[in-house]
């Protein structure tokens, strides 16, 4: 009797799954972003039910549990990963796959197999599988009583090795939970780098135990301008926040599970007002008051200055003359001490050191800086900046790290092993690549997500200016035509930049990045031959359902009007 019952259950289960064997699928079932390199539509659908079991080697436990959690949440069934036995969803490592981030995905009515050379490749295969399922899986409330996945054969790999998103948390601070959410979005789009802009004139956001005033003083400003720069006044509200080293460890560990590399940015030698407010001796002129926009400085800030503490954290936006003194040895000791605490927190090969928008006015009148120029045999203050960057680079290299800097680090001579992030158009990136330096493209016309998204600025949230539409992003080609075929290898990829002067809330950040981030993800992943605006537009209309399920804010109207 017992045998008969088991046989009946097996027969019913087979009959249930077998009905999906001959189901014909259409292109509408495969609305994947970024578009895979090859995708072959197959007949049949795989049923996810209580019999679904995920198996793989122990080294794929992280990926297996991620997939199991997703399927369990969607169906309400207990679906688990095991490194032992057999299953109908198989995760594999395959040395024959050449690219570390490539994967293959094969779905039939009875099995799913995802293979990658590395766990990262398998993870990206799972992200593609995710998009073969309805957006309602994101609700994770067990609402899908019947979940099926269309049969398919996919071979896929990224076009560029660097696929990044930047976030400025210095102008406005965002909580740890949102940073993790941002990392989730990066992973969902098969992007692999989170560039975390941690220090600025308006706030220092990372705990440095040797220099507690960086967060006691540097993480807080006494007010913020109202409206667009130069502002109509100051809100006089103390504003700030920072991430403890434990917060950073938590975020980096979270990102590692999602195969996202976190690159910290410690800005130097410019954009250093917050650090100077905490430790005025870092300035060329410690006794001089902080430069603020006329009539827009905080009353509290002016009271502090009147009381004999001349340096304050900036309350407005812009570029300021008060930068790290390049002539004092104390400056380099401070920065080395800071980096000594930053380096162990971030396993990334890279540390971003900024290097942009560093005025030279104070250096020109500073006796210490002029003495340094003379002693080092430098021509001018531009070469002094190069000296500054090169010295920091040598120190980071000695610690096993490489530097990335904004394209101003080309001025006065490029540090020997530096990677250039080209933001003032593509000129800096082209020049650096021709010199044999690695380049990451982030030009404003295509990669600045703090720009307005339409000409109808009156109906858009406040933005810094300019216009970058979804179509502008999608049309971008990161490898410039000016480079030879041999020089193409120096273009590592591209990144979307999110400067937050006018983004006070997490909803606003989401609105500014979506769907532009989605467009960029295809630019840096899919081959040029596979990219087509009309086709992308169709897939984006499906992808936005996932935004809705995840309760994300997004600017879909900017897409619909194009």
Protein backbone atom coordinates (compact mmCIF):
# COMPACT_ATOMS: atom_id res chain seq x y z
CA UNK A 1 0.00 0.00 0.00
CA UNK A 2 2.80 2.36 0.97
CA UNK A 3 4.58 1.65 -2.33
CA UNK A 4 1.41 2.32 -4.27
CA UNK A 5 0.90 5.70 -2.62
CA UNK A 6 4.48 6.72 -3.37
CA UNK A 7 4.10 5.60 -6.96
CA UNK A 8 0.86 7.57 -7.28
CA UNK A 9 2.47 10.71 -5.89
CA UNK A 10 5.41 10.36 -8.28
CA UNK A 11 3.03 9.79 -11.20
CA UNK A 12 0.94 12.85 -10.34
CA UNK A 13 4.08 14.96 -9.92
CA UNK A 14 5.41 13.79 -13.27
CA UNK A 15 2.08 14.45 -14.96
CA UNK A 16 1.94 17.95 -13.47
CA UNK A 17 5.44 18.87 -14.62
CA UNK A 18 5.12 17.05 -17.93
CA UNK A 19 2.34 19.38 -19.10
CA UNK A 20 4.97 22.13 -19.35
CA UNK A 21 7.17 20.10 -21.70
CA UNK A 22 5.67 21.30 -24.97
CA UNK A 23 4.73 24.85 -24.02
CA UNK A 24 5.76 27.27 -26.78
CA UNK A 25 7.51 30.41 -25.57
CA UNK A 26 7.79 33.77 -27.30
CA UNK A 27 10.24 36.69 -27.21
CA UNK A 28 7.99 38.36 -24.65
CA UNK A 29 9.14 35.72 -22.14
CA UNK A 30 12.77 36.85 -22.36
CA UNK A 31 12.82 40.57 -21.51
CA UNK A 32 16.30 40.58 -19.98
CA UNK A 33 18.48 43.63 -19.17
CA UNK A 34 21.37 43.77 -19.86
CA UNK A 35 20.79 41.78 -23.02
CA UNK A 36 22.73 38.48 -23.10
CA UNK A 37 25.33 37.87 -25.80
CA UNK A 38 23.43 34.82 -27.13
CA UNK A 39 19.96 33.62 -26.23
CA UNK A 40 18.21 30.66 -27.87
CA UNK A 41 14.51 30.27 -27.16
CA UNK A 42 13.51 26.71 -26.31
CA UNK A 43 10.21 24.86 -25.91
CA UNK A 44 8.88 24.07 -22.45
CA UNK A 45 8.80 25.60 -18.97
CA UNK A 46 10.36 24.56 -15.67
CA UNK A 47 7.92 24.35 -12.74
CA UNK A 48 9.17 25.62 -9.38
CA UNK A 49 7.41 23.67 -6.63
CA UNK A 50 8.00 21.73 -3.44
CA UNK A 51 10.11 19.21 -5.35
CA UNK A 52 12.60 21.84 -6.47
CA UNK A 53 16.04 21.24 -5.00
CA UNK A 54 19.16 23.31 -5.65
CA UNK A 55 22.53 21.58 -5.57
CA UNK A 56 26.10 22.67 -6.15
CA UNK A 57 29.60 22.50 -4.76
CA UNK A 58 30.28 23.98 -1.31
CA UNK A 59 32.03 26.93 -2.94
CA UNK A 60 28.67 28.03 -4.37
CA UNK A 61 26.81 28.04 -1.06
CA UNK A 62 26.42 31.82 -1.09
CA UNK A 63 24.91 31.79 -4.58
CA UNK A 64 22.79 28.71 -3.89
CA UNK A 65 21.29 30.21 -0.74
CA UNK A 66 20.59 33.48 -2.57
CA UNK A 67 18.64 31.57 -5.24
CA UNK A 68 16.90 29.37 -2.67
CA UNK A 69 15.77 32.43 -0.72
CA UNK A 70 14.40 34.04 -3.86
CA UNK A 71 12.42 30.96 -4.95
CA UNK A 72 11.18 30.21 -1.44
CA UNK A 73 10.05 33.77 -0.92
CA UNK A 74 8.17 33.82 -4.22
CA UNK A 75 6.37 30.50 -3.82
CA UNK A 76 6.06 30.05 -0.08
CA UNK A 77 7.63 26.61 -0.52
CA UNK A 78 10.67 25.42 1.40
CA UNK A 79 13.36 25.32 -1.29
CA UNK A 80 16.89 24.70 -0.11
CA UNK A 81 20.46 24.55 -1.38
CA UNK A 82 22.60 21.50 -0.71
CA UNK A 83 26.19 20.64 -1.53
CA UNK A 84 25.30 16.97 -1.45
CA UNK A 85 23.03 14.67 -3.42
CA UNK A 86 21.16 15.43 -6.60
CA UNK A 87 18.70 18.09 -7.59
CA UNK A 88 16.85 19.56 -10.53
CA UNK A 89 18.54 22.99 -10.23
CA UNK A 90 22.29 22.57 -10.59
CA UNK A 91 24.94 25.24 -9.99
CA UNK A 92 28.38 24.43 -11.42
CA UNK A 93 31.90 25.75 -11.71
CA UNK A 94 33.31 25.19 -15.20
CA UNK A 95 36.96 25.89 -15.98
CA UNK A 96 36.28 25.74 -19.72
CA UNK A 97 34.45 29.09 -19.48
CA UNK A 98 37.07 31.72 -20.29
CA UNK A 99 35.80 34.93 -18.68
CA UNK A 100 35.65 35.10 -14.87
CA UNK A 101 32.27 36.85 -15.04
CA UNK A 102 30.77 34.78 -17.86
CA UNK A 103 28.06 32.18 -17.36
CA UNK A 104 25.89 29.70 -19.18
CA UNK A 105 22.23 29.17 -18.32
CA UNK A 106 20.22 26.22 -19.61
CA UNK A 107 16.58 25.75 -18.67
CA UNK A 108 14.44 22.79 -19.78
CA UNK A 109 11.05 21.68 -18.55
CA UNK A 110 12.77 19.35 -16.04
CA UNK A 111 16.12 20.96 -15.13
CA UNK A 112 17.98 24.21 -14.68
CA UNK A 113 21.76 24.38 -14.96
CA UNK A 114 23.84 27.50 -14.30
CA UNK A 115 27.60 27.35 -14.81
CA UNK A 116 30.39 29.87 -14.41
CA UNK A 117 34.13 29.84 -14.20
CA UNK A 118 33.79 31.56 -10.84
CA UNK A 119 31.02 32.06 -8.27
CA UNK A 120 30.57 35.58 -9.68
CA UNK A 121 29.62 34.14 -13.07
CA UNK A 122 27.12 31.80 -11.42
CA UNK A 123 25.67 34.75 -9.51
CA UNK A 124 25.13 36.67 -12.76
CA UNK A 125 23.43 33.59 -14.22
CA UNK A 126 21.07 33.67 -11.26
CA UNK A 127 20.36 37.36 -11.92
CA UNK A 128 19.36 36.44 -15.47
CA UNK A 129 17.19 33.59 -14.19
CA UNK A 130 15.54 36.14 -11.89
CA UNK A 131 14.42 38.16 -14.90
CA UNK A 132 12.94 35.08 -16.56
CA UNK A 133 10.45 35.02 -13.70
CA UNK A 134 7.63 37.52 -13.18
CA UNK A 135 8.41 40.74 -11.34
CA UNK A 136 6.08 39.67 -8.53
CA UNK A 137 8.79 37.33 -7.24
CA UNK A 138 10.38 40.48 -5.79
CA UNK A 139 7.49 40.78 -3.35
CA UNK A 140 8.75 37.62 -1.59
CA UNK A 141 5.34 37.04 -0.01
CA UNK A 142 4.63 33.54 -1.29
CA UNK A 143 1.99 34.87 -3.68
CA UNK A 144 3.02 32.75 -6.67
CA UNK A 145 1.14 29.47 -6.35
CA UNK A 146 2.43 28.44 -9.77
CA UNK A 147 5.85 29.67 -10.83
CA UNK A 148 7.28 28.55 -14.15
CA UNK A 149 10.43 29.56 -16.00
CA UNK A 150 10.67 29.50 -19.82
CA UNK A 151 13.18 27.09 -21.35
CA UNK A 152 16.24 28.76 -22.79
CA UNK A 153 19.91 28.37 -23.61
CA UNK A 154 22.09 31.40 -22.82
CA UNK A 155 25.79 32.06 -23.14
CA UNK A 156 26.77 35.41 -21.74
CA UNK A 157 29.71 37.55 -20.68
CA UNK A 158 30.33 41.25 -20.03
CA UNK A 159 31.84 43.62 -22.58
CA UNK A 160 33.76 45.69 -20.00
CA UNK A 161 35.47 44.61 -16.79
CA UNK A 162 34.60 47.77 -14.83
CA UNK A 163 30.86 48.44 -14.52
CA UNK A 164 30.30 50.93 -11.76
CA UNK A 165 27.96 53.20 -9.87
CA UNK A 166 29.14 56.07 -7.69
CA UNK A 167 27.36 57.63 -4.72
CA UNK A 168 28.25 60.87 -2.95
CA UNK A 169 27.35 60.51 0.73
CA UNK A 170 29.30 63.61 1.76
CA UNK A 171 26.93 66.34 0.50
CA UNK A 172 24.04 64.32 1.90
CA UNK A 173 24.35 61.32 4.21
CA UNK A 174 22.34 58.14 3.58
CA UNK A 175 21.75 55.35 6.12
CA UNK A 176 23.39 51.93 6.05
CA UNK A 177 20.17 50.21 4.93
CA UNK A 178 20.02 52.40 1.84
CA UNK A 179 23.67 51.78 1.00
CA UNK A 180 22.85 48.06 1.01
CA UNK A 181 19.81 48.70 -1.17
CA UNK A 182 22.03 50.62 -3.59
CA UNK A 183 24.41 47.64 -3.69
CA UNK A 184 21.44 45.35 -4.40
CA UNK A 185 20.58 47.49 -7.43
CA UNK A 186 24.17 47.33 -8.65
CA UNK A 187 24.12 43.54 -8.38
CA UNK A 188 20.71 43.19 -10.02
CA UNK A 189 22.06 45.07 -13.04
CA UNK A 190 25.19 42.84 -13.23
CA UNK A 191 27.36 45.82 -12.40
CA UNK A 192 30.33 45.08 -10.18
CA UNK A 193 31.66 48.25 -8.52
CA UNK A 194 30.37 50.67 -5.90
CA UNK A 195 32.44 53.88 -5.80
CA UNK A 196 31.76 55.33 -2.34
CA UNK A 197 32.52 59.07 -2.15
CA UNK A 198 33.15 59.46 1.58
CA UNK A 199 34.80 62.85 2.12
CA UNK A 200 34.10 66.36 0.88
CA UNK A 201 33.99 70.02 1.82
CA UNK A 202 30.51 69.52 3.28
CA UNK A 203 31.15 66.45 5.40
CA UNK A 204 33.59 63.71 6.42
CA UNK A 205 31.70 60.42 6.60
CA UNK A 206 34.09 57.67 7.74
CA UNK A 207 35.32 57.07 11.28
CA UNK A 208 39.09 57.42 11.70
CA UNK A 209 39.99 56.41 15.24
CA UNK A 210 43.32 58.24 15.34
CA UNK A 211 41.59 61.49 14.37
CA UNK A 212 38.23 61.57 16.22
CA UNK A 213 37.56 65.21 15.34
CA UNK A 214 37.02 64.15 11.70
CA UNK A 215 33.63 62.81 12.76
CA UNK A 216 33.07 64.91 15.89
CA UNK A 217 33.49 68.13 13.88
CA UNK A 218 34.04 67.26 10.21
CA UNK A 219 30.90 65.12 9.85
CA UNK A 220 28.55 68.00 10.79
CA UNK A 221 27.75 71.32 9.19
CA UNK A 222 25.85 74.13 10.88
CA UNK A 223 23.41 74.60 8.03
CA UNK A 224 22.82 74.11 4.32
CA UNK A 225 21.97 76.63 1.61
CA UNK A 226 18.35 76.80 0.50
CA UNK A 227 17.66 76.18 -3.18
CA UNK A 228 20.17 76.17 -5.97
CA UNK A 229 23.67 77.56 -5.54
CA UNK A 230 24.38 80.24 -4.35
CA UNK A 231 21.09 79.83 -2.51
CA UNK A 232 18.43 82.14 -1.16
CA UNK A 233 19.48 81.69 2.45
CA UNK A 234 20.61 79.06 4.92
CA UNK A 235 18.32 76.65 6.75
CA UNK A 236 20.48 76.97 9.91
CA UNK A 237 19.94 73.27 10.69
CA UNK A 238 22.82 71.17 11.94
CA UNK A 239 23.25 68.36 9.43
CA UNK A 240 25.51 65.34 9.15
CA UNK A 241 26.29 61.76 10.03
CA UNK A 242 29.02 59.22 9.48
CA UNK A 243 29.74 55.52 9.13
CA UNK A 244 31.59 53.78 11.92
CA UNK A 245 34.28 51.32 10.96
CA UNK A 246 31.89 48.55 12.00
CA UNK A 247 29.30 50.01 9.59
CA UNK A 248 31.89 49.95 6.82
CA UNK A 249 32.83 46.34 7.56
CA UNK A 250 29.16 45.36 7.50
CA UNK A 251 28.56 47.10 4.17
CA UNK A 252 31.70 45.68 2.54
CA UNK A 253 30.79 42.15 3.72
CA UNK A 254 27.28 42.61 2.31
CA UNK A 255 28.66 43.82 -1.02
CA UNK A 256 31.09 40.92 -1.18
CA UNK A 257 28.19 38.46 -1.02
CA UNK A 258 26.65 40.29 -3.98
CA UNK A 259 29.98 40.27 -5.87
CA UNK A 260 30.23 44.05 -5.71
CA UNK A 261 33.63 45.65 -5.07
CA UNK A 262 33.52 48.74 -2.86
CA UNK A 263 36.07 51.43 -3.75
CA UNK A 264 36.42 54.17 -1.13
CA UNK A 265 37.18 57.73 -2.14
CA UNK A 266 39.24 59.89 0.22
CA UNK A 267 39.35 63.24 -1.56
CA UNK A 268 42.68 65.09 -1.83
CA UNK A 269 44.29 67.58 -2.12
CA UNK A 270 41.13 69.67 -2.78
CA UNK A 271 37.57 69.38 -1.46
CA UNK A 272 39.08 69.07 2.01
CA UNK A 273 37.23 71.75 4.02
CA UNK A 274 35.62 69.24 6.42
CA UNK A 275 38.99 67.74 7.37
CA UNK A 276 40.51 71.22 7.73
CA UNK A 277 37.61 72.30 9.97
CA UNK A 278 38.47 69.38 12.23
CA UNK A 279 42.24 69.93 12.07
CA UNK A 280 43.03 73.47 10.88
CA UNK A 281 46.80 72.86 10.77
CA UNK A 282 46.17 70.92 7.53
CA UNK A 283 45.49 74.26 5.81
CA UNK A 284 48.15 76.55 4.37
CA UNK A 285 46.65 79.31 6.52
CA UNK A 286 45.09 77.86 9.72
CA UNK A 287 44.12 81.25 11.13
CA UNK A 288 42.24 82.48 8.08
CA UNK A 289 38.45 82.09 8.15
CA UNK A 290 36.74 79.55 5.93
CA UNK A 291 35.71 80.98 2.58
CA UNK A 292 31.91 80.97 2.27
CA UNK A 293 29.54 82.36 -0.32
CA UNK A 294 28.66 85.99 0.48
CA UNK A 295 25.70 86.36 2.87
CA UNK A 296 24.90 82.64 2.69
CA UNK A 297 27.12 81.42 5.52
CA UNK A 298 25.50 80.03 8.66
CA UNK A 299 25.04 82.47 11.54
CA UNK A 300 26.30 79.72 13.82
CA UNK A 301 29.35 79.34 11.62
CA UNK A 302 30.07 83.06 11.86
CA UNK A 303 29.71 82.91 15.64
CA UNK A 304 32.27 80.08 15.75
CA UNK A 305 34.62 82.16 13.63
CA UNK A 306 34.12 85.17 15.89
CA UNK A 307 34.97 83.01 18.90
CA UNK A 308 38.39 82.31 17.46
CA UNK A 309 37.91 79.04 15.53
CA UNK A 310 38.23 80.19 11.94
CA UNK A 311 37.49 76.93 10.12
CA UNK A 312 34.00 75.51 9.56
CA UNK A 313 32.54 72.69 7.47
CA UNK A 314 31.20 74.16 4.23
CA UNK A 315 27.48 74.87 4.10
CA UNK A 316 27.26 75.66 0.41
CA UNK A 317 28.37 73.95 -2.78
CA UNK A 318 31.25 74.80 -5.07
CA UNK A 319 35.05 74.81 -5.19
CA UNK A 320 37.05 76.41 -2.39
CA UNK A 321 40.63 77.68 -2.13
CA UNK A 322 41.29 76.20 1.31
CA UNK A 323 42.88 72.84 0.43
CA UNK A 324 45.44 70.56 2.07
CA UNK A 325 48.81 72.27 2.38
CA UNK A 326 51.25 70.55 0.04
CA UNK A 327 54.28 72.07 1.76
CA UNK A 328 53.81 70.63 5.26
CA UNK A 329 55.00 67.19 6.21
CA UNK A 330 52.15 67.11 8.75
CA UNK A 331 49.70 66.91 5.84
CA UNK A 332 51.26 63.74 4.47
CA UNK A 333 51.48 62.18 7.93
CA UNK A 334 47.78 62.85 8.44
CA UNK A 335 46.81 61.35 5.08
CA UNK A 336 49.00 58.29 5.58
CA UNK A 337 47.45 57.75 9.00
CA UNK A 338 43.96 58.05 7.51
CA UNK A 339 44.79 55.63 4.71
CA UNK A 340 46.29 53.20 7.22
CA UNK A 341 42.82 52.87 8.76
CA UNK A 342 40.94 52.91 5.46
CA UNK A 343 43.02 50.24 3.69
CA UNK A 344 42.17 47.31 6.01
CA UNK A 345 38.45 48.05 5.69
CA UNK A 346 38.34 47.69 1.90
CA UNK A 347 39.69 44.60 0.10
CA UNK A 348 39.46 46.47 -3.21
CA UNK A 349 42.66 46.77 -5.24
CA UNK A 350 41.82 50.44 -5.74
CA UNK A 351 41.55 53.49 -3.52
CA UNK A 352 40.12 56.60 -5.19
CA UNK A 353 42.02 59.71 -4.15
CA UNK A 354 39.96 62.36 -5.96
CA UNK A 355 42.43 64.90 -7.31
CA UNK A 356 39.79 67.09 -8.97
CA UNK A 357 39.04 70.79 -8.67
CA UNK A 358 42.05 71.73 -6.56
CA UNK A 359 42.57 75.52 -6.69
CA UNK A 360 46.18 76.66 -6.53
CA UNK A 361 45.64 80.19 -5.11
CA UNK A 362 46.65 79.31 -1.55
CA UNK A 363 49.62 77.27 -2.72
CA UNK A 364 50.87 80.28 -4.71
CA UNK A 365 51.04 82.47 -1.59
CA UNK A 366 51.99 79.76 0.92
CA UNK A 367 55.67 79.90 1.99
CA UNK A 368 55.69 76.16 2.77
CA UNK A 369 54.30 75.24 -0.66
CA UNK A 370 56.67 77.58 -2.46
CA UNK A 371 59.56 76.11 -0.52
CA UNK A 372 58.45 72.62 -1.57
CA UNK A 373 58.33 73.70 -5.22
CA UNK A 374 61.85 75.07 -5.02
CA UNK A 375 63.25 72.13 -3.09
CA UNK A 376 61.77 69.54 -5.46
CA UNK A 377 62.72 71.49 -8.59
CA UNK A 378 59.10 71.79 -9.72
CA UNK A 379 57.99 74.25 -12.39
CA UNK A 380 54.77 75.43 -10.81
CA UNK A 381 51.76 74.59 -8.66
CA UNK A 382 50.44 72.09 -11.24
CA UNK A 383 53.61 70.08 -10.83
CA UNK A 384 53.18 70.46 -7.08
CA UNK A 385 49.81 68.73 -7.41
CA UNK A 386 51.46 65.96 -9.41
CA UNK A 387 54.09 65.66 -6.64
CA UNK A 388 51.28 65.41 -4.08
CA UNK A 389 49.37 62.72 -6.00
CA UNK A 390 52.52 60.75 -6.85
CA UNK A 391 53.65 60.74 -3.24
CA UNK A 392 50.28 59.39 -2.08
CA UNK A 393 50.30 56.86 -4.92
CA UNK A 394 53.72 55.53 -3.90
CA UNK A 395 52.49 55.09 -0.36
CA UNK A 396 49.35 53.24 -1.47
CA UNK A 397 51.39 51.10 -3.88
CA UNK A 398 53.62 50.13 -0.95
CA UNK A 399 50.47 48.86 0.77
CA UNK A 400 49.44 46.79 -2.23
CA UNK A 401 46.86 49.29 -3.52
CA UNK A 402 46.43 51.19 -6.77
CA UNK A 403 44.96 54.67 -7.14
CA UNK A 404 42.14 56.02 -9.23
CA UNK A 405 41.86 59.78 -9.65
CA UNK A 406 39.66 62.22 -11.55
CA UNK A 407 41.19 63.41 -14.82
CA UNK A 408 42.78 66.53 -13.22
CA UNK A 409 45.53 64.23 -11.96
CA UNK A 410 46.92 64.48 -15.50
CA UNK A 411 47.90 68.09 -14.77
CA UNK A 412 51.60 68.48 -14.12
CA UNK A 413 52.32 64.87 -15.05
CA UNK A 414 50.44 61.66 -14.31
CA UNK A 415 51.45 59.44 -11.38
CA UNK A 416 53.13 56.27 -12.75
CA UNK A 417 50.50 53.61 -11.94
CA UNK A 418 47.37 55.73 -11.73
CA UNK A 419 44.03 54.90 -13.31
CA UNK A 420 42.20 57.95 -14.66
CA UNK A 421 38.47 58.50 -14.22
CA UNK A 422 37.52 60.81 -17.09
CA UNK A 423 34.67 63.14 -16.10
CA UNK A 424 35.29 66.40 -18.00
CA UNK A 425 34.25 64.78 -21.25
CA UNK A 426 36.48 62.12 -22.79
CA UNK A 427 39.62 64.17 -23.43
CA UNK A 428 41.36 63.16 -20.21
CA UNK A 429 40.56 59.52 -20.75
CA UNK A 430 41.85 59.58 -24.32
CA UNK A 431 45.07 61.27 -23.24
CA UNK A 432 45.61 58.79 -20.41
CA UNK A 433 44.95 55.75 -22.62
CA UNK A 434 47.40 57.04 -25.20
CA UNK A 435 49.98 57.23 -22.40
CA UNK A 436 49.26 53.59 -21.52
CA UNK A 437 47.18 54.22 -18.40
CA UNK A 438 43.94 52.45 -17.53
CA UNK A 439 40.83 54.59 -17.90
CA UNK A 440 37.26 54.55 -16.58
CA UNK A 441 34.85 56.73 -18.53
CA UNK A 442 32.38 58.92 -16.61
CA UNK A 443 31.68 61.90 -18.91
CA UNK A 444 28.97 64.30 -17.81
CA UNK A 445 26.97 64.14 -21.04
CA UNK A 446 26.22 60.43 -20.57
CA UNK A 447 27.17 59.35 -17.05
CA UNK A 448 26.15 62.15 -14.68
CA UNK A 449 22.90 61.16 -13.03
CA UNK A 450 22.58 64.42 -11.10
CA UNK A 451 21.52 66.16 -14.33
CA UNK A 452 17.94 66.89 -15.28
CA UNK A 453 16.31 64.15 -17.33
CA UNK A 454 14.12 66.26 -19.65
CA UNK A 455 13.86 69.80 -20.97
CA UNK A 456 10.75 70.17 -18.80
CA UNK A 457 12.82 71.20 -15.77
CA UNK A 458 9.90 72.87 -14.05
CA UNK A 459 8.32 69.45 -13.50
CA UNK A 460 11.54 67.74 -12.48
CA UNK A 461 13.01 67.62 -8.97
CA UNK A 462 15.79 70.10 -8.27
CA UNK A 463 19.01 69.09 -10.05
CA UNK A 464 22.46 70.56 -10.53
CA UNK A 465 21.76 71.44 -14.18
CA UNK A 466 22.39 70.00 -17.62
CA UNK A 467 20.32 67.28 -19.25
CA UNK A 468 21.08 63.57 -19.58
CA UNK A 469 18.20 61.45 -20.85
CA UNK A 470 17.87 57.67 -20.77
CA UNK A 471 18.47 57.73 -24.53
CA UNK A 472 21.66 59.76 -24.02
CA UNK A 473 22.96 57.14 -21.62
CA UNK A 474 22.00 54.25 -23.87
CA UNK A 475 23.69 55.81 -26.90
CA UNK A 476 27.02 56.13 -25.12
CA UNK A 477 30.07 54.20 -26.39
CA UNK A 478 32.72 54.07 -23.64
CA UNK A 479 35.62 53.34 -26.00
CA UNK A 480 36.43 56.54 -27.93
CA UNK A 481 36.97 56.40 -31.68
CA UNK A 482 40.18 58.39 -31.25
CA UNK A 483 41.93 55.38 -29.73
CA UNK A 484 43.70 52.73 -31.76
CA UNK A 485 42.71 49.07 -31.50
CA UNK A 486 45.76 48.47 -29.30
CA UNK A 487 44.74 51.32 -26.98
CA UNK A 488 41.20 49.98 -26.52
CA UNK A 489 42.45 47.63 -23.81
CA UNK A 490 43.11 50.59 -21.50
CA UNK A 491 39.41 51.51 -21.35
CA UNK A 492 38.25 49.37 -18.42
CA UNK A 493 34.63 50.46 -18.58
CA UNK A 494 32.26 53.19 -17.42
CA UNK A 495 30.47 54.44 -14.33
CA UNK A 496 27.36 56.41 -13.45
CA UNK A 497 28.07 59.30 -11.06
CA UNK A 498 25.57 60.47 -8.46
CA UNK A 499 26.50 63.79 -6.83
CA UNK A 500 23.99 64.63 -4.13
CA UNK A 501 24.06 68.39 -3.56
CA UNK A 502 20.34 68.44 -4.39
CA UNK A 503 19.40 64.91 -3.34
CA UNK A 504 18.34 65.00 0.29
CA UNK A 505 16.34 61.76 0.37
CA UNK A 506 16.80 58.17 -0.71
CA UNK A 507 13.69 58.40 -2.91
CA UNK A 508 15.30 61.27 -4.80
CA UNK A 509 18.46 59.26 -5.38
CA UNK A 510 16.42 56.35 -6.75
CA UNK A 511 14.49 58.70 -9.01
CA UNK A 512 17.70 60.14 -10.44
CA UNK A 513 19.38 56.80 -11.14
CA UNK A 514 16.42 54.84 -12.52
CA UNK A 515 16.09 54.05 -15.36
CA UNK A 516 19.38 55.70 -16.41
CA UNK A 517 21.35 53.12 -14.43
CA UNK A 518 19.46 50.37 -16.24
CA UNK A 519 20.48 51.85 -19.59
CA UNK A 520 24.12 52.11 -18.51
CA UNK A 521 24.14 48.49 -17.35
CA UNK A 522 23.48 47.38 -20.92
CA UNK A 523 26.08 49.79 -22.33
CA UNK A 524 28.84 48.22 -20.22
CA UNK A 525 27.66 44.61 -20.50
CA UNK A 526 26.19 43.91 -23.92
CA UNK A 527 28.03 43.96 -27.23
CA UNK A 528 27.44 46.92 -29.50
CA UNK A 529 25.85 44.60 -32.07
CA UNK A 530 23.32 43.43 -29.47
CA UNK A 531 22.21 46.92 -28.52
CA UNK A 532 19.15 48.48 -30.12
CA UNK A 533 17.18 51.37 -28.66
CA UNK A 534 13.75 50.19 -29.77
CA UNK A 535 14.41 46.70 -28.46
CA UNK A 536 15.76 48.10 -25.19
CA UNK A 537 12.69 50.33 -24.82
CA UNK A 538 10.43 47.30 -25.05
CA UNK A 539 12.43 45.40 -22.45
CA UNK A 540 12.57 48.47 -20.20
CA UNK A 541 8.77 48.63 -20.13
CA UNK A 542 8.83 45.14 -18.64
CA UNK A 543 11.77 45.87 -16.35
CA UNK A 544 9.95 48.79 -14.73
CA UNK A 545 7.49 46.25 -13.28
CA UNK A 546 10.42 45.09 -11.18
CA UNK A 547 10.97 48.66 -9.97
CA UNK A 548 7.32 48.71 -8.89
CA UNK A 549 7.53 45.37 -7.10
CA UNK A 550 10.63 46.55 -5.26
CA UNK A 551 8.84 49.82 -4.39
CA UNK A 552 11.52 51.93 -6.05
CA UNK A 553 11.13 55.53 -7.08
CA UNK A 554 11.93 56.06 -10.77
CA UNK A 555 11.61 58.57 -13.60
CA UNK A 556 9.84 56.48 -16.19
CA UNK A 557 8.16 59.57 -17.65
CA UNK A 558 11.53 60.61 -19.03
CA UNK A 559 11.61 57.40 -21.06
CA UNK A 560 8.01 57.57 -22.24
CA UNK A 561 8.45 61.07 -23.71
CA UNK A 562 11.37 60.08 -25.95
